[in-house]
Amino acid sequence: MKLTPDSLAGHLGQSLLRAYLISGDEPLLTGEAADAVRAAARSKGFTERSAHFLERGSDWDDVRASAGNMSLFGSRRLVEIRMPTGKPGVAGSAALVALLQLNDPDTVYLILTPRLDRDAQGSAWVKAVEDSGAWVQVWPIETERLVPWLKARARRLGLKVADEGIELLAERTEGNLLAAHQELEKLRLIAPQGEIPADAILASVADSARFDVFQLGESVLAGDTERALRMLAGLRAEGVEATLVLWALTKAVRDLWACATAVPGSRPKVWGRQAAALERGARRAPLLAYSTLTARAGRVDRMIKGRMFGDPWDEMALLTADLCGKPAFHEPLRSMLK
């Protein structure tokens, strides 16, 4: 069985299965899903709990012993297995399959992993979880869904937030749901009764946006200039290496060039949000000046290496605008390259 974080609560209100796999890279949502399973297990008499941290090559004997030992008081137990890599290895996969095939009504398994790649999703142990329990895949909240998500979360907390305040909160905490939730909790404590205006949020909320170079690449491909430049500024403030940021931008150049020159059906193979962003980028790919893009990327590289005077971050801002189809300068770079 497959569930979502939204459908999990309704499911747990009706039944409790023998195993739950919660996978994803969003700490707030995965943590809340795990807490819901723990609470449901406690309410049905699974009062004992053991936790195990396992990686590829780890010894699974403790897990087997925890699942097999009878409690002194005959209590039911929740066995929690945390796998930071999501890859238990051959021995670990076999151990999980064997445990899940045991007909033990006094044990519930809660397995926590980061997002599983395609190979892991098709593994025997994941299929065993789906056969005997449920798999809850947790995905990040996409940008277009963030405002509705924040509105729903505010209503659950009993807050009335002005629409412009919600939009401001979304902008300031984009990419960090935990920070957004914490800010709403803080507003519940400090805000006056009634609707919370945008200026109250501006005074309270710190800029907690958490960006990475992959999100920057997606925004550039999609042509979202404002968001891409905001991400670039966020990466600079967080101290991310300029070389990594340049890698993301040059990869976007290569992907767009591939779209502009490829025969039908031979575009770069990407999935998820990256695919949607590339689809948007493909429409403007034939119109971009690739000689200008590569020249500017070369300037950034030389600035990073100290072989040319200038600020590589400023140059990357110009490259970002160029890639989004809204160049800051329209004149050729030939004179600047001398």
C-alpha atoms as a PDB file:
ATOM      1  CA  MET A   1       0.000   0.000   0.000  1.00  0.00           C
ATOM      2  CA  LYS A   2       1.163   3.518  -0.764  1.00  0.00           C
ATOM      3  CA  LEU A   3       0.096   6.525   1.276  1.00  0.00           C
ATOM      4  CA  THR A   4       0.800  10.238   1.285  1.00  0.00           C
ATOM      5  CA  PRO A   5       1.427  12.393   4.364  1.00  0.00           C
ATOM      6  CA  ASP A   6      -2.076  13.838   3.868  1.00  0.00           C
ATOM      7  CA  SER A   7      -3.798  10.442   3.715  1.00  0.00           C
ATOM      8  CA  LEU A   8      -1.765   8.892   6.536  1.00  0.00           C
ATOM      9  CA  ALA A   9      -3.795  10.431   9.381  1.00  0.00           C
ATOM     10  CA  GLY A  10      -7.102   9.143   8.012  1.00  0.00           C
ATOM     11  CA  HIS A  11      -5.611   5.696   7.488  1.00  0.00           C
ATOM     12  CA  LEU A  12      -4.202   5.495  11.023  1.00  0.00           C
ATOM     13  CA  GLY A  13      -7.578   6.485  12.424  1.00  0.00           C
ATOM     14  CA  GLN A  14      -9.039   3.302  10.930  1.00  0.00           C
ATOM     15  CA  SER A  15      -6.252   0.714  11.066  1.00  0.00           C
ATOM     16  CA  LEU A  16      -2.646   0.007  11.999  1.00  0.00           C
ATOM     17  CA  LEU A  17      -0.562  -2.137   9.660  1.00  0.00           C
ATOM     18  CA  ARG A  18       2.468  -4.238  10.542  1.00  0.00           C
ATOM     19  CA  ALA A  19       5.029  -1.982   8.852  1.00  0.00           C
ATOM     20  CA  TYR A  20       5.438   1.612   7.708  1.00  0.00           C
ATOM     21  CA  LEU A  21       8.212   2.955   5.501  1.00  0.00           C
ATOM     22  CA  ILE A  22       8.553   6.749   5.552  1.00  0.00           C
ATOM     23  CA  SER A  23      11.005   8.094   2.980  1.00  0.00           C
ATOM     24  CA  GLY A  24      11.834  11.664   2.020  1.00  0.00           C
ATOM     25  CA  ASP A  25      14.201  14.587   2.485  1.00  0.00           C
ATOM     26  CA  GLU A  26      11.781  17.054   4.074  1.00  0.00           C
ATOM     27  CA  PRO A  27      12.480  16.891   7.859  1.00  0.00           C
ATOM     28  CA  LEU A  28       9.215  18.504   8.992  1.00  0.00           C
ATOM     29  CA  LEU A  29       6.896  16.268   6.972  1.00  0.00           C
ATOM     30  CA  THR A  30       8.820  13.040   7.576  1.00  0.00           C
ATOM     31  CA  GLY A  31       9.016  13.811  11.293  1.00  0.00           C
ATOM     32  CA  GLU A  32       5.288  14.499  11.533  1.00  0.00           C
ATOM     33  CA  ALA A  33       4.467  11.285   9.637  1.00  0.00           C
ATOM     34  CA  ALA A  34       6.701   9.246  11.961  1.00  0.00           C
ATOM     35  CA  ASP A  35       5.127  10.881  15.029  1.00  0.00           C
ATOM     36  CA  ALA A  36       1.668   9.980  13.724  1.00  0.00           C
ATOM     37  CA  VAL A  37       2.646   6.303  13.380  1.00  0.00           C
ATOM     38  CA  ARG A  38       4.193   6.287  16.868  1.00  0.00           C
ATOM     39  CA  ALA A  39       1.071   7.849  18.401  1.00  0.00           C
ATOM     40  CA  ALA A  40      -1.241   5.404  16.622  1.00  0.00           C
ATOM     41  CA  ALA A  41       0.894   2.469  17.791  1.00  0.00           C
ATOM     42  CA  ARG A  42       0.805   3.683  21.417  1.00  0.00           C
ATOM     43  CA  SER A  43      -2.961   4.106  21.290  1.00  0.00           C
ATOM     44  CA  LYS A  44      -3.312   0.459  20.244  1.00  0.00           C
ATOM     45  CA  GLY A  45      -1.110  -0.905  23.018  1.00  0.00           C
ATOM     46  CA  PHE A  46       2.313  -0.941  21.365  1.00  0.00           C
ATOM     47  CA  THR A  47       3.927   0.663  24.398  1.00  0.00           C
ATOM     48  CA  GLU A  48       7.476  -0.628  24.045  1.00  0.00           C
ATOM     49  CA  ARG A  49       9.791   0.996  21.516  1.00  0.00           C
ATOM     50  CA  SER A  50      13.301   0.187  20.318  1.00  0.00           C
ATOM     51  CA  ALA A  51      15.319   2.238  17.826  1.00  0.00           C
ATOM     52  CA  HIS A  52      18.142   1.018  15.569  1.00  0.00           C
ATOM     53  CA  PHE A  53      20.447   3.063  13.313  1.00  0.00           C
ATOM     54  CA  LEU A  54      21.648   0.906  10.420  1.00  0.00           C
ATOM     55  CA  GLU A  55      23.673   1.390   7.263  1.00  0.00           C
ATOM     56  CA  ARG A  56      24.997  -0.876   4.521  1.00  0.00           C
ATOM     57  CA  GLY A  57      27.091  -3.567   6.182  1.00  0.00           C
ATOM     58  CA  SER A  58      25.603  -3.059   9.672  1.00  0.00           C
ATOM     59  CA  ASP A  59      24.890  -6.004  11.946  1.00  0.00           C
ATOM     60  CA  TRP A  60      21.157  -6.758  12.031  1.00  0.00           C
ATOM     61  CA  ASP A  61      21.340  -9.165  14.969  1.00  0.00           C
ATOM     62  CA  ASP A  62      20.101  -6.504  17.408  1.00  0.00           C
ATOM     63  CA  VAL A  63      17.044  -5.881  15.245  1.00  0.00           C
ATOM     64  CA  ARG A  64      16.266  -9.593  15.069  1.00  0.00           C
ATOM     65  CA  ALA A  65      16.695  -9.905  18.827  1.00  0.00           C
ATOM     66  CA  SER A  66      14.506  -6.864  19.483  1.00  0.00           C
ATOM     67  CA  ALA A  67      11.750  -8.247  17.285  1.00  0.00           C
ATOM     68  CA  GLY A  68      12.053 -11.793  18.654  1.00  0.00           C
ATOM     69  CA  ASN A  69      12.381 -11.207  22.387  1.00  0.00           C
ATOM     70  CA  MET A  70       9.217 -11.527  24.413  1.00  0.00           C
ATOM     71  CA  SER A  71       8.605  -8.643  26.801  1.00  0.00           C
ATOM     72  CA  LEU A  72       8.630  -9.419  30.528  1.00  0.00           C
ATOM     73  CA  PHE A  73       5.154  -7.922  30.799  1.00  0.00           C
ATOM     74  CA  GLY A  74       3.886  -9.179  27.456  1.00  0.00           C
ATOM     75  CA  SER A  75       3.771  -5.680  25.934  1.00  0.00           C
ATOM     76  CA  ARG A  76       3.490  -5.070  22.225  1.00  0.00           C
ATOM     77  CA  ARG A  77       6.437  -3.264  20.644  1.00  0.00           C
ATOM     78  CA  LEU A  78       7.303  -0.719  17.955  1.00  0.00           C
ATOM     79  CA  VAL A  79      10.639  -1.494  16.284  1.00  0.00           C
ATOM     80  CA  GLU A  80      12.048   1.633  14.665  1.00  0.00           C
ATOM     81  CA  ILE A  81      14.729   1.223  11.992  1.00  0.00           C
ATOM     82  CA  ARG A  82      16.541   4.311  10.743  1.00  0.00           C
ATOM     83  CA  MET A  83      18.680   3.987   7.611  1.00  0.00           C
ATOM     84  CA  PRO A  84      20.510   7.253   6.811  1.00  0.00           C
ATOM     85  CA  THR A  85      21.480   6.034   3.328  1.00  0.00           C
ATOM     86  CA  GLY A  86      18.313   4.097   2.496  1.00  0.00           C
ATOM     87  CA  LYS A  87      20.525   1.203   1.382  1.00  0.00           C
ATOM     88  CA  PRO A  88      20.582  -1.738   3.820  1.00  0.00           C
ATOM     89  CA  GLY A  89      22.835  -3.844   1.610  1.00  0.00           C
ATOM     90  CA  VAL A  90      22.251  -7.456   0.576  1.00  0.00           C
ATOM     91  CA  ALA A  91      22.306  -8.854   4.123  1.00  0.00           C
ATOM     92  CA  GLY A  92      20.173  -6.018   5.489  1.00  0.00           C
ATOM     93  CA  SER A  93      17.613  -6.373   2.707  1.00  0.00           C
ATOM     94  CA  ALA A  94      17.337 -10.094   3.364  1.00  0.00           C
ATOM     95  CA  ALA A  95      16.959  -9.473   7.102  1.00  0.00           C
ATOM     96  CA  LEU A  96      14.186  -6.946   6.537  1.00  0.00           C
ATOM     97  CA  VAL A  97      12.298  -9.253   4.191  1.00  0.00           C
ATOM     98  CA  ALA A  98      12.557 -12.109   6.704  1.00  0.00           C
ATOM     99  CA  LEU A  99      11.331  -9.912   9.575  1.00  0.00           C
ATOM    100  CA  LEU A 100       8.400  -8.565   7.596  1.00  0.00           C
ATOM    101  CA  GLN A 101       7.330 -12.074   6.601  1.00  0.00           C
ATOM    102  CA  LEU A 102       7.024 -13.162  10.234  1.00  0.00           C
ATOM    103  CA  ASN A 103       3.434 -13.344  11.374  1.00  0.00           C
ATOM    104  CA  ASP A 104       3.944 -11.434  14.621  1.00  0.00           C
ATOM    105  CA  PRO A 105       0.887  -9.396  15.643  1.00  0.00           C
ATOM    106  CA  ASP A 106       2.766  -7.918  18.617  1.00  0.00           C
ATOM    107  CA  THR A 107       5.371  -6.034  16.539  1.00  0.00           C
ATOM    108  CA  VAL A 108       5.027  -2.991  14.283  1.00  0.00           C
ATOM    109  CA  TYR A 109       7.989  -1.821  12.198  1.00  0.00           C
ATOM    110  CA  LEU A 110       8.661   1.847  11.455  1.00  0.00           C
ATOM    111  CA  ILE A 111      11.397   2.313   8.828  1.00  0.00           C
ATOM    112  CA  LEU A 112      12.789   5.803   8.189  1.00  0.00           C
ATOM    113  CA  THR A 113      14.978   6.649   5.194  1.00  0.00           C
ATOM    114  CA  PRO A 114      15.837   9.645   3.008  1.00  0.00           C
ATOM    115  CA  ARG A 115      14.366   9.806  -0.500  1.00  0.00           C
ATOM    116  CA  LEU A 116      14.879   6.452  -2.203  1.00  0.00           C
ATOM    117  CA  ASP A 117      16.423   6.334  -5.655  1.00  0.00           C
ATOM    118  CA  ARG A 118      14.958   4.259  -8.469  1.00  0.00           C
ATOM    119  CA  ASP A 119      17.009   1.145  -7.682  1.00  0.00           C
ATOM    120  CA  ALA A 120      16.037   1.229  -4.006  1.00  0.00           C
ATOM    121  CA  GLN A 121      12.357   1.694  -4.861  1.00  0.00           C
ATOM    122  CA  GLY A 122      12.389  -1.579  -6.763  1.00  0.00           C
ATOM    123  CA  SER A 123      14.270  -3.550  -4.091  1.00  0.00           C
ATOM    124  CA  ALA A 124      12.887  -6.658  -2.394  1.00  0.00           C
ATOM    125  CA  TRP A 125      12.670  -5.067   1.037  1.00  0.00           C
ATOM    126  CA  VAL A 126      10.579  -2.118  -0.210  1.00  0.00           C
ATOM    127  CA  LYS A 127       8.205  -4.526  -1.944  1.00  0.00           C
ATOM    128  CA  ALA A 128       7.991  -6.509   1.308  1.00  0.00           C
ATOM    129  CA  VAL A 129       6.962  -3.332   3.144  1.00  0.00           C
ATOM    130  CA  GLU A 130       4.266  -2.610   0.564  1.00  0.00           C
ATOM    131  CA  ASP A 131       2.979  -6.193   0.845  1.00  0.00           C
ATOM    132  CA  SER A 132       2.711  -6.195   4.640  1.00  0.00           C
ATOM    133  CA  GLY A 133       2.296  -2.493   5.378  1.00  0.00           C
ATOM    134  CA  ALA A 134       2.422   0.954   3.821  1.00  0.00           C
ATOM    135  CA  TRP A 135       4.993   3.165   2.153  1.00  0.00           C
ATOM    136  CA  VAL A 136       4.655   6.910   2.785  1.00  0.00           C
ATOM    137  CA  GLN A 137       6.657   8.890   0.229  1.00  0.00           C
ATOM    138  CA  VAL A 138       7.291  12.458   1.382  1.00  0.00           C
ATOM    139  CA  TRP A 139       7.998  15.008  -1.350  1.00  0.00           C
ATOM    140  CA  PRO A 140       9.030  18.654  -0.922  1.00  0.00           C
ATOM    141  CA  ILE A 141       6.281  21.241  -1.246  1.00  0.00           C
ATOM    142  CA  GLU A 142       6.681  22.786  -4.699  1.00  0.00           C
ATOM    143  CA  THR A 143       6.837  26.547  -5.025  1.00  0.00           C
ATOM    144  CA  GLU A 144       3.356  26.908  -6.487  1.00  0.00           C
ATOM    145  CA  ARG A 145       1.889  24.855  -3.624  1.00  0.00           C
ATOM    146  CA  LEU A 146       3.725  26.624  -0.805  1.00  0.00           C
ATOM    147  CA  VAL A 147       1.207  29.453  -0.266  1.00  0.00           C
ATOM    148  CA  PRO A 148      -1.833  27.099  -0.045  1.00  0.00           C
ATOM    149  CA  TRP A 149       0.184  24.816   2.251  1.00  0.00           C
ATOM    150  CA  LEU A 150       1.018  27.731   4.560  1.00  0.00           C
ATOM    151  CA  LYS A 151      -2.624  28.880   4.603  1.00  0.00           C
ATOM    152  CA  ALA A 152      -3.773  25.392   5.599  1.00  0.00           C
ATOM    153  CA  ARG A 153      -1.069  25.135   8.256  1.00  0.00           C
ATOM    154  CA  ALA A 154      -2.018  28.560   9.670  1.00  0.00           C
ATOM    155  CA  ARG A 155      -5.693  27.509   9.890  1.00  0.00           C
ATOM    156  CA  ARG A 156      -4.704  24.369  11.797  1.00  0.00           C
ATOM    157  CA  LEU A 157      -2.885  26.576  14.306  1.00  0.00           C
ATOM    158  CA  GLY A 158      -5.876  28.898  14.644  1.00  0.00           C
ATOM    159  CA  LEU A 159      -4.135  31.809  12.921  1.00  0.00           C
ATOM    160  CA  LYS A 160      -5.702  34.344  10.581  1.00  0.00           C
ATOM    161  CA  VAL A 161      -2.943  35.678   8.360  1.00  0.00           C
ATOM    162  CA  ALA A 162      -3.447  38.284   5.643  1.00  0.00           C
ATOM    163  CA  ASP A 163      -2.860  36.959   2.119  1.00  0.00           C
ATOM    164  CA  GLU A 164       0.077  39.292   1.564  1.00  0.00           C
ATOM    165  CA  GLY A 165       1.511  38.095   4.862  1.00  0.00           C
ATOM    166  CA  ILE A 166       1.322  34.467   3.741  1.00  0.00           C
ATOM    167  CA  GLU A 167       3.037  35.379   0.478  1.00  0.00           C
ATOM    168  CA  LEU A 168       5.782  37.184   2.378  1.00  0.00           C
ATOM    169  CA  LEU A 169       6.247  34.199   4.678  1.00  0.00           C
ATOM    170  CA  ALA A 170       6.472  31.886   1.661  1.00  0.00           C
ATOM    171  CA  GLU A 171       9.141  34.069   0.099  1.00  0.00           C
ATOM    172  CA  ARG A 172      11.213  34.336   3.270  1.00  0.00           C
ATOM    173  CA  THR A 173      11.116  30.640   4.160  1.00  0.00           C
ATOM    174  CA  GLU A 174      11.038  29.062   0.712  1.00  0.00           C
ATOM    175  CA  GLY A 175      12.749  25.671   0.711  1.00  0.00           C
ATOM    176  CA  ASN A 176      12.589  25.297   4.504  1.00  0.00           C
ATOM    177  CA  LEU A 177       9.224  24.015   5.733  1.00  0.00           C
ATOM    178  CA  LEU A 178      10.539  23.527   9.247  1.00  0.00           C
ATOM    179  CA  ALA A 179      11.441  27.214   9.456  1.00  0.00           C
ATOM    180  CA  ALA A 180       8.018  28.170   8.040  1.00  0.00           C
ATOM    181  CA  HIS A 181       6.240  26.039  10.649  1.00  0.00           C
ATOM    182  CA  GLN A 182       8.388  27.474  13.438  1.00  0.00           C
ATOM    183  CA  GLU A 183       7.589  31.008  12.312  1.00  0.00           C
ATOM    184  CA  LEU A 184       3.848  30.229  12.391  1.00  0.00           C
ATOM    185  CA  GLU A 185       4.218  28.755  15.873  1.00  0.00           C
ATOM    186  CA  LYS A 186       6.043  31.900  16.957  1.00  0.00           C
ATOM    187  CA  LEU A 187       3.327  34.122  15.488  1.00  0.00           C
ATOM    188  CA  ARG A 188       0.729  32.177  17.420  1.00  0.00           C
ATOM    189  CA  LEU A 189       2.542  33.100  20.636  1.00  0.00           C
ATOM    190  CA  ILE A 190       3.363  36.733  19.962  1.00  0.00           C
ATOM    191  CA  ALA A 191       0.726  37.983  17.533  1.00  0.00           C
ATOM    192  CA  PRO A 192      -2.409  39.789  18.755  1.00  0.00           C
ATOM    193  CA  GLN A 193      -5.872  38.357  18.253  1.00  0.00           C
ATOM    194  CA  GLY A 194      -7.433  38.813  14.853  1.00  0.00           C
ATOM    195  CA  GLU A 195      -5.836  38.891  11.441  1.00  0.00           C
ATOM    196  CA  ILE A 196      -2.036  39.102  11.384  1.00  0.00           C
ATOM    197  CA  PRO A 197      -0.913  41.798   8.928  1.00  0.00           C
ATOM    198  CA  ALA A 198       2.059  41.521   6.601  1.00  0.00           C
ATOM    199  CA  ASP A 199       4.137  44.051   8.556  1.00  0.00           C
ATOM    200  CA  ALA A 200       3.893  41.852  11.671  1.00  0.00           C
ATOM    201  CA  ILE A 201       5.320  38.959   9.697  1.00  0.00           C
ATOM    202  CA  LEU A 202       8.037  41.161   8.236  1.00  0.00           C
ATOM    203  CA  ALA A 203       9.081  42.149  11.754  1.00  0.00           C
ATOM    204  CA  SER A 204       9.053  38.551  12.980  1.00  0.00           C
ATOM    205  CA  VAL A 205      10.240  36.340  10.189  1.00  0.00           C
ATOM    206  CA  ALA A 206      13.928  35.833   9.482  1.00  0.00           C
ATOM    207  CA  ASP A 207      15.083  35.037   5.976  1.00  0.00           C
ATOM    208  CA  SER A 208      15.194  31.260   6.440  1.00  0.00           C
ATOM    209  CA  ALA A 209      15.080  30.227   2.791  1.00  0.00           C
ATOM    210  CA  ARG A 210      17.200  27.148   2.219  1.00  0.00           C
ATOM    211  CA  PHE A 211      18.344  26.833  -1.358  1.00  0.00           C
ATOM    212  CA  ASP A 212      20.723  24.498  -3.097  1.00  0.00           C
ATOM    213  CA  VAL A 213      22.434  24.550  -6.455  1.00  0.00           C
ATOM    214  CA  PHE A 214      19.932  22.062  -7.918  1.00  0.00           C
ATOM    215  CA  GLN A 215      17.016  24.367  -7.140  1.00  0.00           C
ATOM    216  CA  LEU A 216      18.963  27.200  -8.758  1.00  0.00           C
ATOM    217  CA  GLY A 217      19.387  25.084 -11.884  1.00  0.00           C
ATOM    218  CA  GLU A 218      15.657  24.335 -11.986  1.00  0.00           C
ATOM    219  CA  SER A 219      14.748  28.021 -11.687  1.00  0.00           C
ATOM    220  CA  VAL A 220      17.190  28.993 -14.425  1.00  0.00           C
ATOM    221  CA  LEU A 221      15.853  26.325 -16.782  1.00  0.00           C
ATOM    222  CA  ALA A 222      12.297  27.465 -16.056  1.00  0.00           C
ATOM    223  CA  GLY A 223      13.252  31.070 -16.799  1.00  0.00           C
ATOM    224  CA  ASP A 224      12.123  32.357 -13.391  1.00  0.00           C
ATOM    225  CA  THR A 225      14.530  35.301 -13.199  1.00  0.00           C
ATOM    226  CA  GLU A 226      13.373  36.800  -9.907  1.00  0.00           C
ATOM    227  CA  ARG A 227      13.442  33.499  -8.042  1.00  0.00           C
ATOM    228  CA  ALA A 228      16.778  32.456  -9.561  1.00  0.00           C
ATOM    229  CA  LEU A 229      18.473  35.716  -8.567  1.00  0.00           C
ATOM    230  CA  ARG A 230      17.045  35.441  -5.057  1.00  0.00           C
ATOM    231  CA  MET A 231      18.410  31.906  -4.810  1.00  0.00           C
ATOM    232  CA  LEU A 232      21.786  33.068  -6.062  1.00  0.00           C
ATOM    233  CA  ALA A 233      21.896  35.728  -3.350  1.00  0.00           C
ATOM    234  CA  GLY A 234      20.864  33.124  -0.767  1.00  0.00           C
ATOM    235  CA  LEU A 235      23.616  30.731  -1.826  1.00  0.00           C
ATOM    236  CA  ARG A 236      26.166  33.517  -1.601  1.00  0.00           C
ATOM    237  CA  ALA A 237      24.964  34.488   1.891  1.00  0.00           C
ATOM    238  CA  GLU A 238      25.151  30.849   3.032  1.00  0.00           C
ATOM    239  CA  GLY A 239      28.782  30.632   1.943  1.00  0.00           C
ATOM    240  CA  VAL A 240      28.267  28.064  -0.807  1.00  0.00           C
ATOM    241  CA  GLU A 241      31.360  27.616  -2.972  1.00  0.00           C
ATOM    242  CA  ALA A 242      31.161  29.701  -6.135  1.00  0.00           C
ATOM    243  CA  THR A 243      32.527  26.729  -8.101  1.00  0.00           C
ATOM    244  CA  LEU A 244      29.446  24.649  -7.248  1.00  0.00           C
ATOM    245  CA  VAL A 245      27.110  27.443  -8.293  1.00  0.00           C
ATOM    246  CA  LEU A 246      28.974  27.868 -11.583  1.00  0.00           C
ATOM    247  CA  TRP A 247      28.636  24.112 -12.150  1.00  0.00           C
ATOM    248  CA  ALA A 248      24.836  24.380 -11.829  1.00  0.00           C
ATOM    249  CA  LEU A 249      24.698  27.300 -14.255  1.00  0.00           C
ATOM    250  CA  THR A 250      26.971  25.690 -16.850  1.00  0.00           C
ATOM    251  CA  LYS A 251      24.924  22.487 -16.621  1.00  0.00           C
ATOM    252  CA  ALA A 252      21.855  24.577 -17.427  1.00  0.00           C
ATOM    253  CA  VAL A 253      23.713  26.006 -20.438  1.00  0.00           C
ATOM    254  CA  ARG A 254      24.502  22.472 -21.658  1.00  0.00           C
ATOM    255  CA  ASP A 255      20.939  21.247 -21.110  1.00  0.00           C
ATOM    256  CA  LEU A 256      19.444  24.199 -22.985  1.00  0.00           C
ATOM    257  CA  TRP A 257      21.961  23.803 -25.813  1.00  0.00           C
ATOM    258  CA  ALA A 258      21.036  20.122 -26.047  1.00  0.00           C
ATOM    259  CA  CYS A 259      17.367  21.112 -26.343  1.00  0.00           C
ATOM    260  CA  ALA A 260      18.141  23.691 -29.010  1.00  0.00           C
ATOM    261  CA  THR A 261      20.176  21.307 -31.172  1.00  0.00           C
ATOM    262  CA  ALA A 262      18.624  17.907 -30.432  1.00  0.00           C
ATOM    263  CA  VAL A 263      16.484  15.907 -32.774  1.00  0.00           C
ATOM    264  CA  PRO A 264      12.993  15.078 -31.442  1.00  0.00           C
ATOM    265  CA  GLY A 265      13.071  12.587 -28.597  1.00  0.00           C
ATOM    266  CA  SER A 266      16.741  13.067 -27.744  1.00  0.00           C
ATOM    267  CA  ARG A 267      16.576  15.732 -25.051  1.00  0.00           C
ATOM    268  CA  PRO A 268      18.513  15.303 -21.784  1.00  0.00           C
ATOM    269  CA  LYS A 269      16.880  12.659 -19.546  1.00  0.00           C
ATOM    270  CA  VAL A 270      15.635  14.299 -16.372  1.00  0.00           C
ATOM    271  CA  TRP A 271      12.735  13.594 -14.008  1.00  0.00           C
ATOM    272  CA  GLY A 272      10.334  15.318 -11.651  1.00  0.00           C
ATOM    273  CA  ARG A 273      10.488  19.066 -11.267  1.00  0.00           C
ATOM    274  CA  GLN A 274      13.689  19.192 -13.349  1.00  0.00           C
ATOM    275  CA  ALA A 275      11.750  17.765 -16.308  1.00  0.00           C
ATOM    276  CA  ALA A 276       9.016  20.394 -15.981  1.00  0.00           C
ATOM    277  CA  ALA A 277      11.625  23.159 -15.776  1.00  0.00           C
ATOM    278  CA  LEU A 278      13.470  21.811 -18.834  1.00  0.00           C
ATOM    279  CA  GLU A 279      10.210  21.670 -20.772  1.00  0.00           C
ATOM    280  CA  ARG A 280       9.745  25.390 -20.162  1.00  0.00           C
ATOM    281  CA  GLY A 281      13.381  26.104 -20.980  1.00  0.00           C
ATOM    282  CA  ALA A 282      13.178  24.199 -24.251  1.00  0.00           C
ATOM    283  CA  ARG A 283      10.762  26.795 -25.634  1.00  0.00           C
ATOM    284  CA  ARG A 284      13.309  29.606 -25.405  1.00  0.00           C
ATOM    285  CA  ALA A 285      16.431  27.472 -25.918  1.00  0.00           C
ATOM    286  CA  PRO A 286      16.728  28.221 -29.670  1.00  0.00           C
ATOM    287  CA  LEU A 287      16.652  31.977 -28.957  1.00  0.00           C
ATOM    288  CA  LEU A 288      19.583  32.125 -26.516  1.00  0.00           C
ATOM    289  CA  ALA A 289      23.017  33.471 -27.475  1.00  0.00           C
ATOM    290  CA  TYR A 290      25.206  30.513 -26.506  1.00  0.00           C
ATOM    291  CA  SER A 291      28.463  32.220 -27.490  1.00  0.00           C
ATOM    292  CA  THR A 292      27.639  34.962 -24.990  1.00  0.00           C
ATOM    293  CA  LEU A 293      26.656  32.429 -22.318  1.00  0.00           C
ATOM    294  CA  THR A 294      29.850  30.403 -22.647  1.00  0.00           C
ATOM    295  CA  ALA A 295      31.967  33.558 -22.742  1.00  0.00           C
ATOM    296  CA  ARG A 296      30.384  34.810 -19.522  1.00  0.00           C
ATOM    297  CA  ALA A 297      30.790  31.410 -17.852  1.00  0.00           C
ATOM    298  CA  GLY A 298      34.454  31.496 -18.830  1.00  0.00           C
ATOM    299  CA  ARG A 299      34.819  34.911 -17.224  1.00  0.00           C
ATOM    300  CA  VAL A 300      33.295  33.565 -13.989  1.00  0.00           C
ATOM    301  CA  ASP A 301      35.734  30.650 -14.003  1.00  0.00           C
ATOM    302  CA  ARG A 302      38.723  32.937 -14.439  1.00  0.00           C
ATOM    303  CA  MET A 303      37.479  35.263 -11.673  1.00  0.00           C
ATOM    304  CA  ILE A 304      37.097  32.348  -9.273  1.00  0.00           C
ATOM    305  CA  LYS A 305      40.650  31.227 -10.054  1.00  0.00           C
ATOM    306  CA  GLY A 306      42.019  34.749  -9.653  1.00  0.00           C
ATOM    307  CA  ARG A 307      43.031  35.011 -13.291  1.00  0.00           C
ATOM    308  CA  MET A 308      40.708  37.931 -13.985  1.00  0.00           C
ATOM    309  CA  PHE A 309      39.705  40.912 -11.905  1.00  0.00           C
ATOM    310  CA  GLY A 310      36.055  41.047 -10.847  1.00  0.00           C
ATOM    311  CA  ASP A 311      33.441  39.556  -8.575  1.00  0.00           C
ATOM    312  CA  PRO A 312      32.376  36.087  -9.814  1.00  0.00           C
ATOM    313  CA  TRP A 313      29.033  36.357  -7.996  1.00  0.00           C
ATOM    314  CA  ASP A 314      28.134  39.557  -9.839  1.00  0.00           C
ATOM    315  CA  GLU A 315      29.102  37.895 -13.101  1.00  0.00           C
ATOM    316  CA  MET A 316      26.999  34.848 -12.230  1.00  0.00           C
ATOM    317  CA  ALA A 317      24.043  37.136 -11.609  1.00  0.00           C
ATOM    318  CA  LEU A 318      24.434  38.405 -15.179  1.00  0.00           C
ATOM    319  CA  LEU A 319      24.784  34.829 -16.441  1.00  0.00           C
ATOM    320  CA  THR A 320      21.621  33.856 -14.562  1.00  0.00           C
ATOM    321  CA  ALA A 321      19.670  36.697 -16.169  1.00  0.00           C
ATOM    322  CA  ASP A 322      21.041  35.724 -19.599  1.00  0.00           C
ATOM    323  CA  LEU A 323      19.977  32.099 -19.111  1.00  0.00           C
ATOM    324  CA  CYS A 324      16.490  33.145 -18.024  1.00  0.00           C
ATOM    325  CA  GLY A 325      16.118  35.047 -21.280  1.00  0.00           C
ATOM    326  CA  LYS A 326      16.275  38.510 -19.682  1.00  0.00           C
ATOM    327  CA  PRO A 327      19.870  39.680 -20.186  1.00  0.00           C
ATOM    328  CA  ALA A 328      21.019  42.753 -18.322  1.00  0.00           C
ATOM    329  CA  PHE A 329      23.210  43.781 -21.273  1.00  0.00           C
ATOM    330  CA  HIS A 330      22.487  43.284 -24.947  1.00  0.00           C
ATOM    331  CA  GLU A 331      25.822  44.368 -26.370  1.00  0.00           C
ATOM    332  CA  PRO A 332      28.407  41.743 -27.378  1.00  0.00           C
ATOM    333  CA  LEU A 333      30.999  40.702 -24.800  1.00  0.00           C
ATOM    334  CA  ARG A 334      33.821  40.873 -27.291  1.00  0.00           C
ATOM    335  CA  SER A 335      35.120  44.176 -25.925  1.00  0.00           C
ATOM    336  CA  MET A 336      34.989  42.909 -22.347  1.00  0.00           C
ATOM    337  CA  LEU A 337      36.974  39.785 -23.193  1.00  0.00           C
ATOM    338  CA  LYS A 338      40.022  41.686 -24.433  1.00  0.00           C
END
